[in-house]
C-alpha atoms as a PDB file:
ATOM      1  CA  UNK A   1     -13.663   6.331 -54.891  1.00  0.00           C
ATOM      2  CA  UNK A   2     -11.148   8.011 -52.630  1.00  0.00           C
ATOM      3  CA  UNK A   3      -8.658   5.630 -51.166  1.00  0.00           C
ATOM      4  CA  UNK A   4      -8.534   5.397 -47.358  1.00  0.00           C
ATOM      5  CA  UNK A   5      -5.107   5.330 -45.726  1.00  0.00           C
ATOM      6  CA  UNK A   6      -3.906   2.084 -44.346  1.00  0.00           C
ATOM      7  CA  UNK A   7      -2.522   2.249 -40.810  1.00  0.00           C
ATOM      8  CA  UNK A   8       1.053   1.959 -42.161  1.00  0.00           C
ATOM      9  CA  UNK A   9       0.505   5.150 -44.182  1.00  0.00           C
ATOM     10  CA  UNK A  10      -0.410   7.230 -41.140  1.00  0.00           C
ATOM     11  CA  UNK A  11       2.118   9.438 -39.393  1.00  0.00           C
ATOM     12  CA  UNK A  12       4.037   6.850 -37.420  1.00  0.00           C
ATOM     13  CA  UNK A  13       5.581   9.425 -35.117  1.00  0.00           C
ATOM     14  CA  UNK A  14       2.107  10.663 -34.200  1.00  0.00           C
ATOM     15  CA  UNK A  15       0.916   7.136 -33.504  1.00  0.00           C
ATOM     16  CA  UNK A  16       3.984   6.592 -31.314  1.00  0.00           C
ATOM     17  CA  UNK A  17       3.110   9.741 -29.359  1.00  0.00           C
ATOM     18  CA  UNK A  18      -0.447   8.480 -28.848  1.00  0.00           C
ATOM     19  CA  UNK A  19       0.879   5.108 -27.651  1.00  0.00           C
ATOM     20  CA  UNK A  20       3.251   6.736 -25.137  1.00  0.00           C
ATOM     21  CA  UNK A  21       0.423   8.988 -23.971  1.00  0.00           C
ATOM     22  CA  UNK A  22      -1.814   5.969 -23.352  1.00  0.00           C
ATOM     23  CA  UNK A  23       0.968   4.342 -21.308  1.00  0.00           C
ATOM     24  CA  UNK A  24       1.381   7.573 -19.308  1.00  0.00           C
ATOM     25  CA  UNK A  25      -2.356   7.824 -18.580  1.00  0.00           C
ATOM     26  CA  UNK A  26      -2.575   4.158 -17.566  1.00  0.00           C
ATOM     27  CA  UNK A  27       0.425   4.606 -15.271  1.00  0.00           C
ATOM     28  CA  UNK A  28      -1.224   7.547 -13.510  1.00  0.00           C
ATOM     29  CA  UNK A  29      -4.501   5.667 -13.075  1.00  0.00           C
ATOM     30  CA  UNK A  30      -3.282   2.195 -12.126  1.00  0.00           C
ATOM     31  CA  UNK A  31       0.370   2.571 -11.039  1.00  0.00           C
ATOM     32  CA  UNK A  32       0.723   6.030  -9.433  1.00  0.00           C
ATOM     33  CA  UNK A  33       3.595   4.793  -7.259  1.00  0.00           C
ATOM     34  CA  UNK A  34       5.888   4.498 -10.340  1.00  0.00           C
ATOM     35  CA  UNK A  35       7.099   8.085 -10.114  1.00  0.00           C
ATOM     36  CA  UNK A  36      10.103   7.499 -12.405  1.00  0.00           C
ATOM     37  CA  UNK A  37       7.819   6.383 -15.248  1.00  0.00           C
ATOM     38  CA  UNK A  38       5.409   9.236 -14.566  1.00  0.00           C
ATOM     39  CA  UNK A  39       8.199  11.814 -14.737  1.00  0.00           C
ATOM     40  CA  UNK A  40       9.978  10.326 -17.787  1.00  0.00           C
ATOM     41  CA  UNK A  41       6.739  10.213 -19.786  1.00  0.00           C
ATOM     42  CA  UNK A  42       5.101  13.235 -18.173  1.00  0.00           C
ATOM     43  CA  UNK A  43       7.782  15.722 -19.263  1.00  0.00           C
ATOM     44  CA  UNK A  44       7.414  15.071 -23.034  1.00  0.00           C
ATOM     45  CA  UNK A  45       3.655  14.616 -22.574  1.00  0.00           C
ATOM     46  CA  UNK A  46       3.479  18.188 -21.306  1.00  0.00           C
ATOM     47  CA  UNK A  47       6.308  19.930 -23.163  1.00  0.00           C
ATOM     48  CA  UNK A  48       6.490  18.176 -26.551  1.00  0.00           C
ATOM     49  CA  UNK A  49       3.568  15.938 -27.520  1.00  0.00           C
ATOM     50  CA  UNK A  50       0.816  18.640 -27.792  1.00  0.00           C
ATOM     51  CA  UNK A  51       2.900  20.897 -30.029  1.00  0.00           C
ATOM     52  CA  UNK A  52       4.177  18.047 -32.206  1.00  0.00           C
ATOM     53  CA  UNK A  53       0.604  16.819 -32.711  1.00  0.00           C
ATOM     54  CA  UNK A  54      -0.437  20.328 -33.740  1.00  0.00           C
ATOM     55  CA  UNK A  55       2.449  20.495 -36.250  1.00  0.00           C
ATOM     56  CA  UNK A  56       1.211  17.236 -37.801  1.00  0.00           C
ATOM     57  CA  UNK A  57      -2.177  18.857 -38.392  1.00  0.00           C
ATOM     58  CA  UNK A  58      -0.801  22.140 -39.728  1.00  0.00           C
ATOM     59  CA  UNK A  59       1.828  20.572 -42.000  1.00  0.00           C
ATOM     60  CA  UNK A  60       0.776  17.101 -43.212  1.00  0.00           C
ATOM     61  CA  UNK A  61       3.036  17.420 -46.275  1.00  0.00           C
ATOM     62  CA  UNK A  62       6.807  17.089 -46.463  1.00  0.00           C
ATOM     63  CA  UNK A  63       7.290  20.742 -45.602  1.00  0.00           C
ATOM     64  CA  UNK A  64       9.756  20.038 -42.784  1.00  0.00           C
ATOM     65  CA  UNK A  65      12.130  17.296 -41.783  1.00  0.00           C
ATOM     66  CA  UNK A  66      11.602  15.308 -38.583  1.00  0.00           C
ATOM     67  CA  UNK A  67      14.136  17.383 -36.632  1.00  0.00           C
ATOM     68  CA  UNK A  68      12.438  20.632 -37.657  1.00  0.00           C
ATOM     69  CA  UNK A  69       9.073  19.224 -36.599  1.00  0.00           C
ATOM     70  CA  UNK A  70      10.599  18.334 -33.245  1.00  0.00           C
ATOM     71  CA  UNK A  71      11.796  21.898 -32.688  1.00  0.00           C
ATOM     72  CA  UNK A  72       8.519  23.468 -33.823  1.00  0.00           C
ATOM     73  CA  UNK A  73       6.565  21.024 -31.679  1.00  0.00           C
ATOM     74  CA  UNK A  74       8.594  21.972 -28.623  1.00  0.00           C
ATOM     75  CA  UNK A  75       8.079  25.670 -29.302  1.00  0.00           C
ATOM     76  CA  UNK A  76       4.340  25.261 -29.843  1.00  0.00           C
ATOM     77  CA  UNK A  77       3.986  23.277 -26.620  1.00  0.00           C
ATOM     78  CA  UNK A  78       5.832  25.887 -24.569  1.00  0.00           C
ATOM     79  CA  UNK A  79       3.642  28.599 -26.114  1.00  0.00           C
ATOM     80  CA  UNK A  80       0.405  26.660 -25.819  1.00  0.00           C
ATOM     81  CA  UNK A  81       0.578  25.204 -22.294  1.00  0.00           C
ATOM     82  CA  UNK A  82       0.391  28.452 -20.193  1.00  0.00           C
ATOM     83  CA  UNK A  83      -2.889  29.798 -21.691  1.00  0.00           C
ATOM     84  CA  UNK A  84      -4.279  26.259 -21.702  1.00  0.00           C
ATOM     85  CA  UNK A  85      -3.598  26.030 -17.968  1.00  0.00           C
ATOM     86  CA  UNK A  86      -5.255  29.397 -17.365  1.00  0.00           C
ATOM     87  CA  UNK A  87      -8.387  28.277 -19.218  1.00  0.00           C
ATOM     88  CA  UNK A  88      -8.524  25.080 -17.163  1.00  0.00           C
ATOM     89  CA  UNK A  89      -8.104  27.067 -13.959  1.00  0.00           C
ATOM     90  CA  UNK A  90     -11.049  29.272 -14.912  1.00  0.00           C
ATOM     91  CA  UNK A  91     -13.213  26.320 -15.907  1.00  0.00           C
ATOM     92  CA  UNK A  92     -15.675  24.674 -13.468  1.00  0.00           C
ATOM     93  CA  UNK A  93     -13.374  21.627 -13.331  1.00  0.00           C
ATOM     94  CA  UNK A  94     -10.324  23.509 -12.083  1.00  0.00           C
ATOM     95  CA  UNK A  95      -6.629  22.946 -12.754  1.00  0.00           C
ATOM     96  CA  UNK A  96      -5.335  19.661 -11.335  1.00  0.00           C
ATOM     97  CA  UNK A  97      -3.575  16.505 -12.471  1.00  0.00           C
ATOM     98  CA  UNK A  98      -6.725  14.750 -13.683  1.00  0.00           C
ATOM     99  CA  UNK A  99      -8.138  17.656 -15.693  1.00  0.00           C
ATOM    100  CA  UNK A 100      -4.724  18.453 -17.218  1.00  0.00           C
ATOM    101  CA  UNK A 101      -3.987  14.884 -18.318  1.00  0.00           C
ATOM    102  CA  UNK A 102      -7.505  14.191 -19.613  1.00  0.00           C
ATOM    103  CA  UNK A 103      -7.692  17.499 -21.514  1.00  0.00           C
ATOM    104  CA  UNK A 104      -4.268  17.183 -23.149  1.00  0.00           C
ATOM    105  CA  UNK A 105      -4.798  13.530 -24.029  1.00  0.00           C
ATOM    106  CA  UNK A 106      -8.197  14.297 -25.586  1.00  0.00           C
ATOM    107  CA  UNK A 107      -6.655  17.175 -27.532  1.00  0.00           C
ATOM    108  CA  UNK A 108      -3.879  14.954 -28.894  1.00  0.00           C
ATOM    109  CA  UNK A 109      -6.404  12.337 -29.996  1.00  0.00           C
ATOM    110  CA  UNK A 110      -8.321  15.100 -31.777  1.00  0.00           C
ATOM    111  CA  UNK A 111      -5.103  16.239 -33.483  1.00  0.00           C
ATOM    112  CA  UNK A 112      -4.467  12.645 -34.594  1.00  0.00           C
ATOM    113  CA  UNK A 113      -7.904  12.447 -36.231  1.00  0.00           C
ATOM    114  CA  UNK A 114      -7.475  15.857 -37.884  1.00  0.00           C
ATOM    115  CA  UNK A 115      -4.028  14.880 -39.172  1.00  0.00           C
ATOM    116  CA  UNK A 116      -5.414  11.643 -40.640  1.00  0.00           C
ATOM    117  CA  UNK A 117      -8.276  13.586 -42.243  1.00  0.00           C
ATOM    118  CA  UNK A 118      -5.915  16.142 -43.827  1.00  0.00           C
ATOM    119  CA  UNK A 119      -3.457  13.494 -45.030  1.00  0.00           C
ATOM    120  CA  UNK A 120      -6.239  11.656 -46.883  1.00  0.00           C
ATOM    121  CA  UNK A 121      -6.691  14.726 -49.072  1.00  0.00           C
ATOM    122  CA  UNK A 122      -3.152  14.990 -50.355  1.00  0.00           C
ATOM    123  CA  UNK A 123      -1.259  12.618 -52.680  1.00  0.00           C
ATOM    124  CA  UNK A 124       0.537   9.757 -50.881  1.00  0.00           C
ATOM    125  CA  UNK A 125       3.907  10.808 -52.267  1.00  0.00           C
ATOM    126  CA  UNK A 126       3.491  14.284 -50.684  1.00  0.00           C
ATOM    127  CA  UNK A 127       2.670  13.082 -47.174  1.00  0.00           C
ATOM    128  CA  UNK A 128       5.199  13.343 -44.417  1.00  0.00           C
ATOM    129  CA  UNK A 129       6.126   9.925 -43.064  1.00  0.00           C
ATOM    130  CA  UNK A 130       8.436   9.348 -40.151  1.00  0.00           C
ATOM    131  CA  UNK A 131      10.710   6.385 -40.778  1.00  0.00           C
ATOM    132  CA  UNK A 132      13.342   4.833 -38.562  1.00  0.00           C
ATOM    133  CA  UNK A 133      15.796   3.318 -41.016  1.00  0.00           C
ATOM    134  CA  UNK A 134      19.610   3.504 -40.607  1.00  0.00           C
ATOM    135  CA  UNK A 135      19.768   6.136 -43.356  1.00  0.00           C
ATOM    136  CA  UNK A 136      17.390   8.349 -41.387  1.00  0.00           C
ATOM    137  CA  UNK A 137      19.552   8.097 -38.284  1.00  0.00           C
ATOM    138  CA  UNK A 138      22.630   9.019 -40.334  1.00  0.00           C
ATOM    139  CA  UNK A 139      20.729  12.030 -41.655  1.00  0.00           C
ATOM    140  CA  UNK A 140      19.810  13.036 -38.101  1.00  0.00           C
ATOM    141  CA  UNK A 141      23.469  12.920 -37.157  1.00  0.00           C
ATOM    142  CA  UNK A 142      24.357  15.772 -39.503  1.00  0.00           C
ATOM    143  CA  UNK A 143      25.798  18.887 -37.884  1.00  0.00           C
ATOM    144  CA  UNK A 144      22.605  20.913 -38.187  1.00  0.00           C
ATOM    145  CA  UNK A 145      20.364  18.090 -36.987  1.00  0.00           C
ATOM    146  CA  UNK A 146      22.600  17.328 -34.009  1.00  0.00           C
ATOM    147  CA  UNK A 147      22.474  20.982 -32.981  1.00  0.00           C
ATOM    148  CA  UNK A 148      18.673  21.082 -33.275  1.00  0.00           C
ATOM    149  CA  UNK A 149      18.202  17.820 -31.378  1.00  0.00           C
ATOM    150  CA  UNK A 150      20.687  18.949 -28.726  1.00  0.00           C
ATOM    151  CA  UNK A 151      18.786  22.203 -28.184  1.00  0.00           C
ATOM    152  CA  UNK A 152      15.465  20.362 -27.923  1.00  0.00           C
ATOM    153  CA  UNK A 153      16.832  17.816 -25.455  1.00  0.00           C
ATOM    154  CA  UNK A 154      18.474  20.566 -23.377  1.00  0.00           C
ATOM    155  CA  UNK A 155      15.221  22.526 -23.158  1.00  0.00           C
ATOM    156  CA  UNK A 156      13.271  19.387 -22.216  1.00  0.00           C
ATOM    157  CA  UNK A 157      15.778  18.423 -19.533  1.00  0.00           C
ATOM    158  CA  UNK A 158      15.997  21.951 -18.161  1.00  0.00           C
ATOM    159  CA  UNK A 159      12.244  22.513 -18.047  1.00  0.00           C
ATOM    160  CA  UNK A 160      11.475  18.994 -16.858  1.00  0.00           C
ATOM    161  CA  UNK A 161      14.213  19.057 -14.222  1.00  0.00           C
ATOM    162  CA  UNK A 162      12.974  22.386 -12.901  1.00  0.00           C
ATOM    163  CA  UNK A 163       9.411  21.101 -12.786  1.00  0.00           C
ATOM    164  CA  UNK A 164      10.509  17.973 -10.945  1.00  0.00           C
ATOM    165  CA  UNK A 165      12.586  19.879  -8.395  1.00  0.00           C
ATOM    166  CA  UNK A 166       9.776  22.318  -7.686  1.00  0.00           C
ATOM    167  CA  UNK A 167       7.090  19.665  -7.273  1.00  0.00           C
ATOM    168  CA  UNK A 168       9.142  16.886  -5.622  1.00  0.00           C
ATOM    169  CA  UNK A 169      11.244  18.611  -2.992  1.00  0.00           C
ATOM    170  CA  UNK A 170      11.725  16.631   0.190  1.00  0.00           C
ATOM    171  CA  UNK A 171       8.945  17.399   2.620  1.00  0.00           C
ATOM    172  CA  UNK A 172       6.896  19.238   0.009  1.00  0.00           C
ATOM    173  CA  UNK A 173       4.088  16.634   0.118  1.00  0.00           C
ATOM    174  CA  UNK A 174       1.234  17.685   2.386  1.00  0.00           C
ATOM    175  CA  UNK A 175      -2.548  17.770   2.762  1.00  0.00           C
ATOM    176  CA  UNK A 176      -4.447  21.040   3.030  1.00  0.00           C
ATOM    177  CA  UNK A 177      -7.215  20.874   5.650  1.00  0.00           C
ATOM    178  CA  UNK A 178      -9.366  23.909   6.438  1.00  0.00           C
ATOM    179  CA  UNK A 179     -12.758  25.288   7.450  1.00  0.00           C
ATOM    180  CA  UNK A 180     -14.763  27.314   4.942  1.00  0.00           C
ATOM    181  CA  UNK A 181     -16.004  30.583   6.431  1.00  0.00           C
ATOM    182  CA  UNK A 182     -16.697  31.469  10.042  1.00  0.00           C
ATOM    183  CA  UNK A 183     -19.203  29.391  11.933  1.00  0.00           C
ATOM    184  CA  UNK A 184     -21.419  30.455  14.862  1.00  0.00           C
ATOM    185  CA  UNK A 185     -22.394  27.253  16.593  1.00  0.00           C
ATOM    186  CA  UNK A 186     -25.684  27.000  18.441  1.00  0.00           C
ATOM    187  CA  UNK A 187     -27.268  24.211  20.535  1.00  0.00           C
ATOM    188  CA  UNK A 188     -29.066  21.695  18.332  1.00  0.00           C
ATOM    189  CA  UNK A 189     -28.461  21.040  14.624  1.00  0.00           C
ATOM    190  CA  UNK A 190     -25.364  22.583  13.016  1.00  0.00           C
ATOM    191  CA  UNK A 191     -23.433  22.227   9.782  1.00  0.00           C
ATOM    192  CA  UNK A 192     -19.834  23.202   9.071  1.00  0.00           C
ATOM    193  CA  UNK A 193     -18.195  23.191   5.640  1.00  0.00           C
ATOM    194  CA  UNK A 194     -14.752  21.552   5.527  1.00  0.00           C
ATOM    195  CA  UNK A 195     -12.178  21.557   2.714  1.00  0.00           C
ATOM    196  CA  UNK A 196      -9.391  19.111   1.816  1.00  0.00           C
ATOM    197  CA  UNK A 197      -6.742  19.435  -0.913  1.00  0.00           C
ATOM    198  CA  UNK A 198      -4.394  16.559  -1.777  1.00  0.00           C
ATOM    199  CA  UNK A 199      -0.785  17.711  -2.282  1.00  0.00           C
ATOM    200  CA  UNK A 200       0.710  14.324  -1.380  1.00  0.00           C
ATOM    201  CA  UNK A 201       1.740  13.448  -4.946  1.00  0.00           C
ATOM    202  CA  UNK A 202      -0.349  10.242  -4.995  1.00  0.00           C
ATOM    203  CA  UNK A 203      -4.028   9.250  -4.674  1.00  0.00           C
ATOM    204  CA  UNK A 204      -5.193   9.345  -1.057  1.00  0.00           C
ATOM    205  CA  UNK A 205      -8.274   8.291   0.906  1.00  0.00           C
ATOM    206  CA  UNK A 206      -9.458  10.716   3.579  1.00  0.00           C
ATOM    207  CA  UNK A 207     -11.960  10.760   6.426  1.00  0.00           C
ATOM    208  CA  UNK A 208     -13.036  13.503   8.840  1.00  0.00           C
ATOM    209  CA  UNK A 209     -14.152  12.879  12.420  1.00  0.00           C
ATOM    210  CA  UNK A 210     -16.032  15.467  14.500  1.00  0.00           C
ATOM    211  CA  UNK A 211     -15.450  15.250  18.274  1.00  0.00           C
ATOM    212  CA  UNK A 212     -16.393  17.177  21.379  1.00  0.00           C
ATOM    213  CA  UNK A 213     -15.380  16.275  24.931  1.00  0.00           C
ATOM    214  CA  UNK A 214     -13.963  12.989  23.612  1.00  0.00           C
ATOM    215  CA  UNK A 215     -17.309  11.980  22.093  1.00  0.00           C
ATOM    216  CA  UNK A 216     -17.773  11.392  18.348  1.00  0.00           C
ATOM    217  CA  UNK A 217     -20.554  13.480  16.821  1.00  0.00           C
ATOM    218  CA  UNK A 218     -20.123  12.619  13.148  1.00  0.00           C
ATOM    219  CA  UNK A 219     -17.708  10.924  10.757  1.00  0.00           C
ATOM    220  CA  UNK A 220     -17.399  11.356   6.979  1.00  0.00           C
ATOM    221  CA  UNK A 221     -15.475   8.655   5.092  1.00  0.00           C
ATOM    222  CA  UNK A 222     -14.685   7.635   1.519  1.00  0.00           C
ATOM    223  CA  UNK A 223     -13.140  10.927   0.351  1.00  0.00           C
ATOM    224  CA  UNK A 224     -10.887   9.730  -2.497  1.00  0.00           C
ATOM    225  CA  UNK A 225      -8.697  12.435  -4.029  1.00  0.00           C
ATOM    226  CA  UNK A 226      -6.116  12.229  -6.803  1.00  0.00           C
ATOM    227  CA  UNK A 227      -3.005  14.441  -6.606  1.00  0.00           C
ATOM    228  CA  UNK A 228      -4.048  18.088  -6.843  1.00  0.00           C
ATOM    229  CA  UNK A 229      -7.753  17.363  -6.377  1.00  0.00           C
ATOM    230  CA  UNK A 230      -9.836  19.100  -3.724  1.00  0.00           C
ATOM    231  CA  UNK A 231     -13.029  18.353  -1.816  1.00  0.00           C
ATOM    232  CA  UNK A 232     -15.494  20.539   0.042  1.00  0.00           C
ATOM    233  CA  UNK A 233     -18.473  19.275   1.969  1.00  0.00           C
ATOM    234  CA  UNK A 234     -20.822  20.151   4.795  1.00  0.00           C
ATOM    235  CA  UNK A 235     -20.672  18.017   7.916  1.00  0.00           C
ATOM    236  CA  UNK A 236     -23.860  18.031  10.019  1.00  0.00           C
ATOM    237  CA  UNK A 237     -24.006  17.234  13.737  1.00  0.00           C
ATOM    238  CA  UNK A 238     -25.969  17.933  16.904  1.00  0.00           C
ATOM    239  CA  UNK A 239     -24.708  19.974  19.855  1.00  0.00           C
ATOM    240  CA  UNK A 240     -26.054  19.561  23.353  1.00  0.00           C
ATOM    241  CA  UNK A 241     -27.900  22.285  25.275  1.00  0.00           C
ATOM    242  CA  UNK A 242     -26.350  24.411  28.030  1.00  0.00           C
ATOM    243  CA  UNK A 243     -22.716  23.713  27.163  1.00  0.00           C
ATOM    244  CA  UNK A 244     -20.026  25.936  28.655  1.00  0.00           C
ATOM    245  CA  UNK A 245     -16.583  26.650  27.173  1.00  0.00           C
ATOM    246  CA  UNK A 246     -16.315  23.536  25.021  1.00  0.00           C
ATOM    247  CA  UNK A 247     -14.273  22.754  21.925  1.00  0.00           C
ATOM    248  CA  UNK A 248     -15.427  21.163  18.687  1.00  0.00           C
ATOM    249  CA  UNK A 249     -12.598  19.236  17.005  1.00  0.00           C
ATOM    250  CA  UNK A 250     -12.350  18.180  13.354  1.00  0.00           C
ATOM    251  CA  UNK A 251      -9.763  15.383  13.011  1.00  0.00           C
ATOM    252  CA  UNK A 252      -8.367  14.343   9.619  1.00  0.00           C
ATOM    253  CA  UNK A 253      -7.640  10.694   8.754  1.00  0.00           C
ATOM    254  CA  UNK A 254      -5.519   9.660   5.768  1.00  0.00           C
ATOM    255  CA  UNK A 255      -5.607   6.070   4.514  1.00  0.00           C
ATOM    256  CA  UNK A 256      -7.405   5.007   7.719  1.00  0.00           C
ATOM    257  CA  UNK A 257      -4.638   6.456   9.901  1.00  0.00           C
ATOM    258  CA  UNK A 258      -5.188   9.432  12.179  1.00  0.00           C
ATOM    259  CA  UNK A 259      -3.085  12.454  11.262  1.00  0.00           C
ATOM    260  CA  UNK A 260      -1.889  15.308  13.431  1.00  0.00           C
ATOM    261  CA  UNK A 261      -4.126  17.746  11.587  1.00  0.00           C
ATOM    262  CA  UNK A 262      -7.006  19.070  13.716  1.00  0.00           C
ATOM    263  CA  UNK A 263      -9.299  22.079  13.421  1.00  0.00           C
ATOM    264  CA  UNK A 264     -10.854  23.550  16.568  1.00  0.00           C
ATOM    265  CA  UNK A 265     -13.943  25.697  17.080  1.00  0.00           C
ATOM    266  CA  UNK A 266     -14.733  27.050  20.535  1.00  0.00           C
ATOM    267  CA  UNK A 267     -18.427  27.233  21.440  1.00  0.00           C
ATOM    268  CA  UNK A 268     -20.734  27.436  24.437  1.00  0.00           C
ATOM    269  CA  UNK A 269     -21.336  30.037  27.099  1.00  0.00           C
ATOM    270  CA  UNK A 270     -18.317  31.700  28.690  1.00  0.00           C
END
């Protein structure tokens, strides 16, 4: 009978990556206001963890040292992420924070299972095992290892710092609010499609109010969007007969507070 690996015989570095990924996902879902934690875990989650997990699947044996795996993992991540993002953007789910995190996390869990499956089929003495003993740290402090680790850290800091500066500039948070297509309003029943995109950097709750001449025609509430998510929906309302030179206003509310964002449509006889 083939012996099944005990948990201690699995790739500890891969299990550590999965644990940090779980913490990152839980932080996004339950504690989105902790931006420092999101950034500190999000940078390696995007730029290192996917490639390192793939290396664990491709090379379950002691083919490379830990520092070499770190460098190859970084290179694979930087090569893999752009086409992965393009595929997500073309998918029906779109490219946003939720789809990116869920897809990458699912992929890393798949890599963990594949790595465990491959490691079961090689002798225990041939398996790569990440250890954290003092002798390992002394080995990492060799001239070659220090250079490799320094390059990896520099690339992570450079790429992560650039990503943070681009996405967290002061005043860069905003909500996109727009009408879809051109609408010809007529007396009686009408429907207008409205779009909202959350670029605020945190989950937001939106509502849209339709007004004319100070009178509310319709109100849509409960639009919950995570960062990067979008919403489109038709809003139906009734317009009175024989109206002259009037304005239909779409007012956006965020977290129950009225914003300055309004969309106007002129209708009625001139």
